[in-house]
Protein backbone atom coordinates (compact mmCIF):
# COMPACT_ATOMS: atom_id res chain seq x y z
CA MET A 1 27.68 -14.46 24.55
CA LYS A 2 27.93 -11.91 21.79
CA GLU A 3 26.85 -14.40 19.22
CA GLN A 4 23.72 -15.23 21.06
CA ALA A 5 23.02 -11.40 21.39
CA GLY A 6 23.56 -10.83 17.77
CA ALA A 7 21.29 -13.61 16.96
CA ALA A 8 18.54 -12.27 19.12
CA ARG A 9 18.93 -8.96 17.81
CA ARG A 10 18.76 -10.30 14.18
CA ASN A 11 15.73 -12.30 14.95
CA ALA A 12 13.94 -9.34 16.51
CA SER A 13 13.64 -8.05 12.80
CA ARG A 14 10.38 -8.88 11.04
CA VAL A 15 9.87 -9.24 7.30
CA LEU A 16 6.52 -9.63 5.70
CA ILE A 17 6.46 -11.21 2.21
CA ALA A 18 3.31 -10.83 -0.10
CA ASP A 19 3.71 -13.28 -3.12
CA ASP A 20 1.16 -15.73 -4.55
CA ASP A 21 4.07 -18.32 -5.49
CA ALA A 22 4.26 -20.73 -2.78
CA ALA A 23 7.78 -21.77 -4.03
CA VAL A 24 9.02 -18.25 -3.81
CA CYS A 25 7.67 -17.73 -0.31
CA SER A 26 9.24 -20.81 0.66
CA LEU A 27 12.73 -19.81 -0.76
CA LEU A 28 12.46 -16.37 0.83
CA GLN A 29 11.62 -17.71 4.15
CA VAL A 30 14.53 -20.11 4.20
CA VAL A 31 16.90 -17.57 2.87
CA LEU A 32 15.82 -14.82 5.28
CA SER A 33 15.04 -16.80 8.45
CA PRO A 34 18.53 -16.51 9.65
CA ILE A 35 18.46 -12.69 9.77
CA ALA A 36 14.71 -12.19 10.51
CA ASP A 37 11.31 -13.44 11.60
CA VAL A 38 9.53 -14.00 8.37
CA THR A 39 5.83 -14.06 7.85
CA ALA A 40 4.59 -15.10 4.24
CA VAL A 41 1.06 -14.35 2.84
CA ASN A 42 -0.32 -15.02 -0.55
CA ASP A 43 -2.04 -11.76 -1.51
CA ALA A 44 -2.00 -8.05 -0.72
CA GLU A 45 -5.31 -8.30 1.09
CA ALA A 46 -3.76 -10.75 3.73
CA ALA A 47 -0.73 -8.31 4.02
CA LEU A 48 -3.05 -5.17 4.52
CA ASP A 49 -5.02 -7.36 7.14
CA LEU A 50 -2.00 -8.06 9.22
CA LEU A 51 -0.90 -4.44 9.14
CA ALA A 52 -4.43 -3.10 9.88
CA HIS A 53 -4.42 -5.48 12.84
CA GLY A 54 -1.29 -3.87 14.27
CA GLU A 55 1.31 -6.29 13.08
CA ARG A 56 4.67 -4.35 12.54
CA TYR A 57 7.40 -5.21 10.19
CA ASP A 58 10.72 -3.85 9.65
CA VAL A 59 10.76 -4.69 5.80
CA ILE A 60 7.91 -5.62 3.46
CA ILE A 61 8.66 -7.66 0.18
CA SER A 62 5.88 -7.62 -2.44
CA ASP A 63 5.66 -9.35 -5.74
CA PHE A 64 4.48 -7.01 -8.56
CA GLU A 65 1.82 -9.38 -9.75
CA LEU A 66 -0.67 -10.39 -6.94
CA PRO A 67 -4.22 -11.60 -7.29
CA GLY A 68 -6.77 -8.93 -6.58
CA ILE A 69 -4.86 -5.88 -5.38
CA ASP A 70 -1.51 -5.83 -7.22
CA GLY A 71 1.88 -5.02 -5.88
CA LEU A 72 1.87 -1.31 -6.85
CA GLU A 73 -1.54 -0.78 -4.99
CA LEU A 74 -0.17 -2.54 -1.94
CA VAL A 75 2.75 -0.21 -1.89
CA ARG A 76 0.45 2.86 -2.45
CA ARG A 77 -1.77 1.85 0.51
CA ILE A 78 1.24 1.23 2.75
CA ARG A 79 2.74 4.64 1.96
CA VAL A 80 -0.59 6.43 2.99
CA SER A 81 -0.71 4.50 6.19
CA GLU A 82 -0.08 6.51 9.43
CA CYS A 83 1.66 3.45 11.03
CA ASP A 84 3.54 1.85 8.18
CA ALA A 85 4.32 4.66 5.75
CA ARG A 86 8.09 4.37 6.59
CA VAL A 87 8.61 0.70 6.45
CA PRO A 88 11.05 -0.15 3.61
CA ILE A 89 9.50 -1.92 0.82
CA LEU A 90 11.15 -4.36 -1.82
CA MET A 91 9.38 -5.06 -4.82
CA ILE A 92 10.22 -8.21 -6.81
CA SER A 93 8.95 -9.12 -10.32
CA GLY A 94 9.74 -10.95 -13.48
CA HIS A 95 8.59 -8.05 -15.56
CA GLY A 96 11.43 -5.39 -14.62
CA LYS A 97 12.38 -4.77 -18.11
CA LEU A 98 8.96 -3.38 -18.74
CA GLY A 99 9.07 -0.31 -16.90
CA VAL A 100 7.95 -2.00 -13.63
CA ARG A 101 11.05 -0.99 -11.82
CA ASP A 102 10.50 2.76 -12.33
CA ARG A 103 6.72 2.29 -11.63
CA ALA A 104 7.54 0.62 -8.37
CA ARG A 105 10.01 3.27 -7.35
CA ALA A 106 7.38 5.99 -8.21
CA GLU A 107 4.70 4.44 -5.99
CA GLY A 108 7.25 4.26 -3.03
CA ALA A 109 9.13 1.06 -3.21
CA ASP A 110 12.69 1.45 -1.87
CA ALA A 111 14.20 -1.29 -3.80
CA PHE A 112 13.48 -3.70 -6.69
CA LEU A 113 14.87 -7.08 -7.79
CA ASP A 114 14.23 -8.62 -11.09
CA LYS A 115 13.39 -12.40 -10.99
CA PRO A 116 15.24 -14.39 -11.23
CA PHE A 117 17.59 -12.81 -8.63
CA THR A 118 20.47 -14.32 -6.77
CA LEU A 119 20.39 -15.25 -3.13
CA ALA A 120 23.21 -12.88 -2.51
CA GLN A 121 21.41 -10.00 -4.08
CA LEU A 122 18.37 -10.89 -1.98
CA ARG A 123 20.30 -10.99 1.20
CA ALA A 124 22.18 -7.73 0.43
CA THR A 125 19.13 -5.91 -0.42
CA VAL A 126 17.09 -7.13 2.58
CA GLY A 127 20.00 -6.40 4.81
CA SER A 128 20.30 -2.91 3.68
CA LEU A 129 16.59 -2.31 3.99
CA LEU A 130 16.76 -3.81 7.52
CA ASP A 131 19.66 -1.33 8.42
CA THR A 132 17.44 1.55 6.79
CA SER A 133 14.57 0.38 8.96
CA VAL A 134 16.63 0.68 12.18
CA ARG A 135 17.95 4.23 11.13
CA ARG A 136 14.25 5.39 10.52
CA ALA A 137 13.14 3.96 13.99
CA SER A 138 15.95 5.85 15.73
């Protein structure tokens, strides 16, 4: 009985992924689906559209490089949103060594992972951000 309650509680968490690489989206969905309901979109505009239409997420994961609006601008827009400003954001990028990590943090990203990252790093980071989300909601 407790296992079922735990599974229901985990799946009540929602994660939004914005990444234009279909393989990355698929991998993130498979890895995170045991702990959250995962929605993936391929650009920032689609992510912002979901948020604008009232979809709420416990964690948002964004790639740094996205077509159109980049990941930094996505973070900026989320941080000024009345409804979504407190949602923890994880930025992922293959350009972390070029100052992207610092720029992402300065814009409001709560965490950053360099590609390639390990599945253990991903799970630990998202798990920590989900815990942060729960604390912020309390």
